[in-house]
Amino acid sequence: MYPSLQPVPLSQATGKMAYTMTNDALFHIVLQNNKEVLTALIAALLHLDPVSIKNVIVQNPILQGHLIEDKRSELDILVSFNDGALINLEMQVANLKNWIPRSLYYLCREFTRLQHGDDYSQVKPAYHIGFLDYTLFPDSPEFYATYRMCNLKTGNVYSDRFTLSVVELNHIDMATEEDKAYGIDKWAGLFKATTWEDINMLAKTDPIIESAAQSIYSSVTEPWVLELCQKSQEEIDGDIHRRERLAEQDKQIAEKDRQLAEQDKQIAEQDKQIAEQDKQIADLQKQVAELSEKLSALSNL
């Protein structure tokens, strides 16, 4: 068992936070342990009244003492609500260059959870909402974007049961009036906060945000949570380092390939010059032979 720390009250906490809500382990633990906050967040993201969100159940809770070995498949938070709808919430602030196929994979995995013998009409709505701290599409940055399958000509939505959304935490300043009306910008600000002063300031703006702030504070006073957060951060840092190393190796290989291609080009050019010289020599030899024949013919006159 891990002993709990005895901190000062949240209202008196100051300084830099050891881990913020952009740490996917802390993100998961806070939301799984505070159903009121989880319900309010889902309602905001789906533009619903919180009272319409019922039967909220975290399908993949993290338990004390359970250190995640495969972070990539565990630290997203999968929630069922309203008797079968599924929403996958995922925090991924590092750009690992795989978000689009990754998010589609997660969404498809949740959408295809029919049991053997079930009719296709029983398919429940599935949502995947990612929180990124980078711009997914640099040509069209957006704070909160939602995507659905639609007709390319008419824009008609094929189905509202298959929805993918992205919150770009680095673009809170681009929040629309609709985003603000549902408080999505406040949630993003809470997730981005790095000091307890910021957390306390946000907590004063909304009772639900205050409840979330209290959950964050109580979570990071638990040593086992801090250990999990550290492990998660080390996994992310290691993944980034591996990708950077591979990218550098690819860059070096590309440079070697370029140099080899340049050498091949130079060799080809040299071969071409040699071939031209051989042709010139052959032409001269032919001319010499022709002149020799003429001289021989003249000497016999």
Protein backbone atom coordinates (compact mmCIF):
# COMPACT_ATOMS: atom_id res chain seq x y z
CA MET A 1 0.00 0.00 0.00
CA TYR A 2 1.07 3.55 -0.72
CA PRO A 3 0.76 6.07 2.13
CA SER A 4 -1.26 9.21 1.34
CA LEU A 5 0.37 12.62 1.62
CA GLN A 6 -1.07 15.25 3.93
CA PRO A 7 -1.16 18.44 1.85
CA VAL A 8 -2.51 21.87 2.65
CA PRO A 9 -6.03 22.60 1.35
CA LEU A 10 -6.31 23.25 -2.39
CA SER A 11 -7.15 26.90 -1.79
CA GLN A 12 -3.71 27.32 -0.15
CA ALA A 13 -1.73 25.33 -2.71
CA THR A 14 0.82 27.31 -4.72
CA GLY A 15 3.52 26.72 -7.26
CA LYS A 16 4.03 24.48 -10.25
CA MET A 17 2.04 21.25 -10.47
CA ALA A 18 4.07 18.04 -10.58
CA TYR A 19 1.73 16.69 -13.26
CA THR A 20 -1.10 18.35 -15.13
CA MET A 21 -4.22 16.98 -16.77
CA THR A 22 -2.29 16.69 -20.03
CA ASN A 23 -0.67 13.64 -18.42
CA ASP A 24 -2.92 10.87 -19.73
CA ALA A 25 -2.68 8.83 -16.52
CA LEU A 26 -3.87 11.72 -14.34
CA PHE A 27 -6.53 12.57 -16.95
CA HIS A 28 -7.87 9.02 -16.71
CA ILE A 29 -7.80 8.75 -12.92
CA VAL A 30 -9.47 12.11 -12.25
CA LEU A 31 -12.32 11.41 -14.67
CA GLN A 32 -12.90 7.84 -13.51
CA ASN A 33 -13.03 8.91 -9.86
CA ASN A 34 -15.42 11.84 -10.28
CA LYS A 35 -18.55 10.79 -12.15
CA GLU A 36 -20.09 14.24 -11.85
CA VAL A 37 -17.11 15.80 -13.60
CA LEU A 38 -16.99 13.05 -16.22
CA THR A 39 -20.70 13.50 -16.96
CA ALA A 40 -20.36 17.27 -17.25
CA LEU A 41 -17.37 16.96 -19.59
CA ILE A 42 -19.18 14.50 -21.87
CA ALA A 43 -22.27 16.73 -21.91
CA ALA A 44 -20.16 19.76 -22.87
CA LEU A 45 -18.34 17.93 -25.65
CA LEU A 46 -21.54 16.44 -27.10
CA HIS A 47 -23.53 19.69 -26.65
CA LEU A 48 -26.03 18.02 -24.33
CA ASP A 49 -27.72 18.87 -21.07
CA PRO A 50 -25.89 16.99 -18.28
CA VAL A 51 -29.21 15.61 -16.99
CA SER A 52 -29.60 13.73 -20.28
CA ILE A 53 -26.38 11.77 -19.62
CA LYS A 54 -27.32 8.71 -17.56
CA ASN A 55 -25.80 5.39 -16.48
CA VAL A 56 -22.21 6.62 -16.86
CA ILE A 57 -19.80 3.71 -16.42
CA VAL A 58 -16.03 3.71 -16.99
CA GLN A 59 -15.33 0.47 -18.84
CA ASN A 60 -11.57 0.42 -18.23
CA PRO A 61 -10.85 1.82 -14.76
CA ILE A 62 -7.31 1.98 -13.40
CA LEU A 63 -7.02 0.41 -9.96
CA GLN A 64 -4.53 1.28 -7.24
CA GLY A 65 -1.42 -0.86 -7.51
CA HIS A 66 -2.09 -1.68 -11.16
CA LEU A 67 0.77 -0.20 -13.17
CA ILE A 68 -0.02 -0.09 -16.86
CA GLU A 69 2.34 -2.14 -18.99
CA ASP A 70 0.79 -1.28 -22.33
CA LYS A 71 0.00 2.40 -21.96
CA ARG A 72 -1.13 2.78 -25.53
CA SER A 73 -4.16 0.53 -25.05
CA GLU A 74 -5.05 1.44 -21.47
CA LEU A 75 -4.77 5.13 -20.71
CA ASP A 76 -7.57 6.28 -22.95
CA ILE A 77 -10.81 6.31 -20.94
CA LEU A 78 -13.73 4.34 -22.38
CA VAL A 79 -17.16 5.29 -21.04
CA SER A 80 -20.60 3.83 -21.65
CA PHE A 81 -23.69 5.94 -21.04
CA ASN A 82 -27.37 6.12 -21.90
CA ASP A 83 -27.71 2.34 -22.04
CA GLY A 84 -25.05 1.52 -24.58
CA ALA A 85 -23.54 4.59 -26.25
CA LEU A 86 -19.74 4.57 -26.02
CA ILE A 87 -17.34 7.48 -25.86
CA ASN A 88 -13.58 7.17 -25.85
CA LEU A 89 -11.73 10.15 -24.34
CA GLU A 90 -8.02 10.35 -25.02
CA MET A 91 -5.31 12.80 -24.05
CA GLN A 92 -2.36 12.89 -26.45
CA VAL A 93 -0.35 16.09 -26.27
CA ALA A 94 2.75 14.76 -28.05
CA ASN A 95 2.54 14.65 -31.83
CA LEU A 96 3.45 11.05 -32.59
CA LYS A 97 2.45 11.48 -36.25
CA ASN A 98 -0.23 8.77 -36.02
CA TRP A 99 -3.32 10.47 -34.65
CA ILE A 100 -5.65 10.10 -37.64
CA PRO A 101 -5.30 6.31 -38.14
CA ARG A 102 -5.09 5.82 -34.37
CA SER A 103 -8.33 7.70 -33.66
CA LEU A 104 -10.14 5.92 -36.49
CA TYR A 105 -8.98 2.56 -35.15
CA TYR A 106 -10.25 3.37 -31.66
CA LEU A 107 -13.59 4.64 -32.97
CA CYS A 108 -14.12 1.63 -35.23
CA ARG A 109 -13.23 -0.71 -32.38
CA GLU A 110 -15.95 0.82 -30.19
CA PHE A 111 -18.51 0.97 -32.99
CA THR A 112 -18.24 -2.73 -33.77
CA ARG A 113 -19.13 -4.08 -30.33
CA LEU A 114 -22.22 -6.03 -31.40
CA GLN A 115 -22.65 -9.43 -29.82
CA HIS A 116 -23.05 -12.51 -32.00
CA GLY A 117 -26.63 -12.69 -33.20
CA ASP A 118 -27.43 -9.01 -32.59
CA ASP A 119 -29.17 -7.13 -35.39
CA TYR A 120 -27.21 -4.29 -36.99
CA SER A 121 -29.99 -1.89 -36.02
CA GLN A 122 -28.83 -2.36 -32.43
CA VAL A 123 -25.51 -0.65 -33.07
CA LYS A 124 -25.11 2.09 -30.47
CA PRO A 125 -23.59 5.53 -31.08
CA ALA A 126 -19.80 5.65 -30.76
CA TYR A 127 -17.69 8.74 -30.15
CA HIS A 128 -13.96 9.31 -30.02
CA ILE A 129 -12.78 12.65 -28.65
CA GLY A 130 -9.10 13.46 -28.52
CA PHE A 131 -7.34 16.26 -26.68
CA LEU A 132 -4.22 17.31 -28.56
CA ASP A 133 -1.69 20.02 -27.76
CA TYR A 134 -0.66 20.53 -31.38
CA THR A 135 -2.34 21.47 -34.65
CA LEU A 136 -3.69 18.43 -36.47
CA PHE A 137 -4.15 20.23 -39.80
CA PRO A 138 -1.72 23.19 -39.99
CA ASP A 139 -3.61 24.68 -42.94
CA SER A 140 -6.86 24.82 -40.96
CA PRO A 141 -6.31 25.13 -37.18
CA GLU A 142 -9.46 24.83 -35.07
CA PHE A 143 -10.13 24.65 -31.34
CA TYR A 144 -12.94 22.09 -31.42
CA ALA A 145 -13.64 20.14 -34.60
CA THR A 146 -16.16 17.34 -35.15
CA TYR A 147 -16.14 14.90 -38.06
CA ARG A 148 -18.76 12.50 -39.41
CA MET A 149 -19.17 10.46 -42.59
CA CYS A 150 -21.03 12.55 -45.16
CA ASN A 151 -21.88 12.79 -48.85
CA LEU A 152 -19.03 14.58 -50.59
CA LYS A 153 -21.39 16.30 -53.05
CA THR A 154 -24.25 17.35 -50.81
CA GLY A 155 -22.69 17.27 -47.35
CA ASN A 156 -25.56 15.08 -46.16
CA VAL A 157 -24.51 13.15 -43.03
CA TYR A 158 -24.50 9.38 -43.59
CA SER A 159 -24.99 8.58 -39.90
CA ASP A 160 -24.84 10.36 -36.54
CA ARG A 161 -23.79 7.16 -34.76
CA PHE A 162 -20.12 7.44 -35.77
CA THR A 163 -18.51 10.66 -34.57
CA LEU A 164 -14.91 11.77 -34.13
CA SER A 165 -13.93 15.06 -32.48
CA VAL A 166 -10.67 16.81 -31.70
CA VAL A 167 -9.95 19.49 -29.10
CA GLU A 168 -6.72 21.37 -29.87
CA LEU A 169 -5.55 22.65 -26.50
CA ASN A 170 -3.07 24.97 -28.20
CA HIS A 171 -5.93 26.90 -29.84
CA ILE A 172 -8.18 27.86 -26.92
CA ASP A 173 -8.04 31.40 -28.30
CA MET A 174 -9.97 30.14 -31.35
CA ALA A 175 -12.95 28.89 -29.30
CA THR A 176 -16.24 29.89 -30.92
CA GLU A 177 -19.20 31.36 -29.09
CA GLU A 178 -20.81 27.91 -29.21
CA ASP A 179 -17.69 26.34 -27.68
CA LYS A 180 -17.81 28.92 -24.89
CA ALA A 181 -21.54 28.45 -24.36
CA TYR A 182 -20.88 24.78 -23.51
CA GLY A 183 -17.78 25.65 -21.47
CA ILE A 184 -15.38 23.61 -23.59
CA ASP A 185 -12.83 26.43 -23.37
CA LYS A 186 -12.98 26.23 -19.55
CA TRP A 187 -12.28 22.50 -19.62
CA ALA A 188 -9.36 23.07 -21.98
CA GLY A 189 -8.02 25.78 -19.69
CA LEU A 190 -8.23 23.40 -16.73
CA PHE A 191 -6.38 20.68 -18.64
CA LYS A 192 -3.66 23.14 -19.68
CA ALA A 193 -3.19 24.74 -16.23
CA THR A 194 0.33 24.25 -14.88
CA THR A 195 0.19 25.98 -11.47
CA TRP A 196 -2.09 25.67 -8.45
CA GLU A 197 -2.73 29.39 -8.68
CA ASP A 198 -4.21 28.83 -12.16
CA ILE A 199 -6.25 25.88 -10.88
CA ASN A 200 -7.68 27.91 -7.99
CA MET A 201 -8.56 30.78 -10.29
CA LEU A 202 -10.44 28.44 -12.65
CA ALA A 203 -12.15 26.72 -9.71
CA LYS A 204 -13.85 29.99 -8.81
CA THR A 205 -15.55 30.23 -12.20
CA ASP A 206 -17.78 27.14 -12.03
CA PRO A 207 -18.83 24.58 -9.37
CA ILE A 208 -18.10 21.63 -11.70
CA ILE A 209 -14.64 22.99 -12.51
CA GLU A 210 -14.09 23.41 -8.77
CA SER A 211 -15.05 19.75 -8.24
CA ALA A 212 -12.62 18.75 -10.99
CA ALA A 213 -9.89 20.87 -9.38
CA GLN A 214 -10.43 19.14 -6.05
CA SER A 215 -10.20 15.74 -7.77
CA ILE A 216 -6.95 16.75 -9.46
CA TYR A 217 -5.50 17.89 -6.15
CA SER A 218 -6.56 14.81 -4.21
CA SER A 219 -5.24 12.55 -6.99
CA VAL A 220 -1.75 14.04 -7.09
CA THR A 221 -1.41 13.63 -3.33
CA GLU A 222 -1.54 9.86 -3.78
CA PRO A 223 1.96 8.39 -4.29
CA TRP A 224 0.64 5.51 -6.42
CA VAL A 225 -0.98 8.03 -8.77
CA LEU A 226 2.26 10.01 -9.00
CA GLU A 227 4.11 6.79 -9.78
CA LEU A 228 1.68 6.00 -12.58
CA CYS A 229 1.94 9.56 -13.92
CA GLN A 230 5.72 9.30 -13.92
CA LYS A 231 5.60 5.98 -15.74
CA SER A 232 3.22 7.42 -18.32
CA GLN A 233 5.46 10.44 -18.87
CA GLU A 234 8.52 8.23 -19.21
CA GLU A 235 6.69 6.11 -21.79
CA ILE A 236 5.78 9.21 -23.79
CA ASP A 237 9.29 10.67 -23.54
CA GLY A 238 10.76 7.31 -24.56
CA ASP A 239 8.37 7.06 -27.50
CA ILE A 240 9.26 10.55 -28.65
CA HIS A 241 12.98 9.78 -28.29
CA ARG A 242 12.61 6.56 -30.29
CA ARG A 243 10.74 8.35 -33.02
CA GLU A 244 13.28 11.17 -33.13
CA ARG A 245 16.10 8.63 -33.31
CA LEU A 246 14.35 6.75 -36.12
CA ALA A 247 13.66 10.03 -37.90
CA GLU A 248 17.35 10.95 -37.62
CA GLN A 249 18.32 7.51 -38.93
CA ASP A 250 15.89 7.94 -41.82
CA LYS A 251 17.40 11.35 -42.48
CA GLN A 252 20.91 9.89 -42.51
CA ILE A 253 19.81 7.04 -44.79
CA ALA A 254 18.13 9.54 -47.12
CA GLU A 255 21.32 11.61 -47.20
CA LYS A 256 23.40 8.52 -47.99
CA ASP A 257 20.91 7.55 -50.69
CA ARG A 258 21.20 11.08 -52.09
CA GLN A 259 25.00 10.84 -52.08
CA LEU A 260 24.89 7.42 -53.76
CA ALA A 261 22.46 8.75 -56.34
CA GLU A 262 24.80 11.67 -56.98
CA GLN A 263 27.73 9.25 -57.31
CA ASP A 264 25.72 7.10 -59.70
CA LYS A 265 24.91 10.22 -61.68
CA GLN A 266 28.59 11.18 -61.80
CA ILE A 267 29.58 7.63 -62.81
CA ALA A 268 26.90 7.65 -65.51
CA GLU A 269 28.20 10.99 -66.75
CA GLN A 270 31.75 9.63 -66.75
CA ASP A 271 30.62 6.53 -68.62
CA LYS A 272 28.91 8.79 -71.14
CA GLN A 273 32.11 10.82 -71.57
CA ILE A 274 34.19 7.64 -71.93
CA ALA A 275 31.71 6.32 -74.49
CA GLU A 276 31.96 9.58 -76.42
CA GLN A 277 35.76 9.42 -76.26
CA ASP A 278 35.71 5.80 -77.45
CA LYS A 279 33.50 6.87 -80.34
CA GLN A 280 35.84 9.72 -81.20
CA ILE A 281 38.83 7.35 -81.06
CA ALA A 282 36.98 4.85 -83.24
CA ASP A 283 36.14 7.62 -85.74
CA LEU A 284 39.78 8.74 -85.79
CA GLN A 285 40.96 5.18 -86.25
CA LYS A 286 38.53 4.80 -89.13
CA GLN A 287 39.77 8.02 -90.70
CA VAL A 288 43.40 6.90 -90.27
CA ALA A 289 42.59 3.58 -91.89
CA GLU A 290 40.88 5.33 -94.81
CA LEU A 291 43.84 7.67 -95.27
CA SER A 292 46.23 4.73 -95.12
CA GLU A 293 44.30 3.00 -97.88
CA LYS A 294 44.38 6.13 -100.01
CA LEU A 295 48.11 6.56 -99.46
CA SER A 296 48.69 2.93 -100.31
CA ALA A 297 46.67 3.34 -103.50
CA LEU A 298 48.61 6.46 -104.48
CA SER A 299 51.97 4.77 -103.88
CA ASN A 300 51.03 2.00 -106.32
CA LEU A 301 50.38 4.41 -109.19
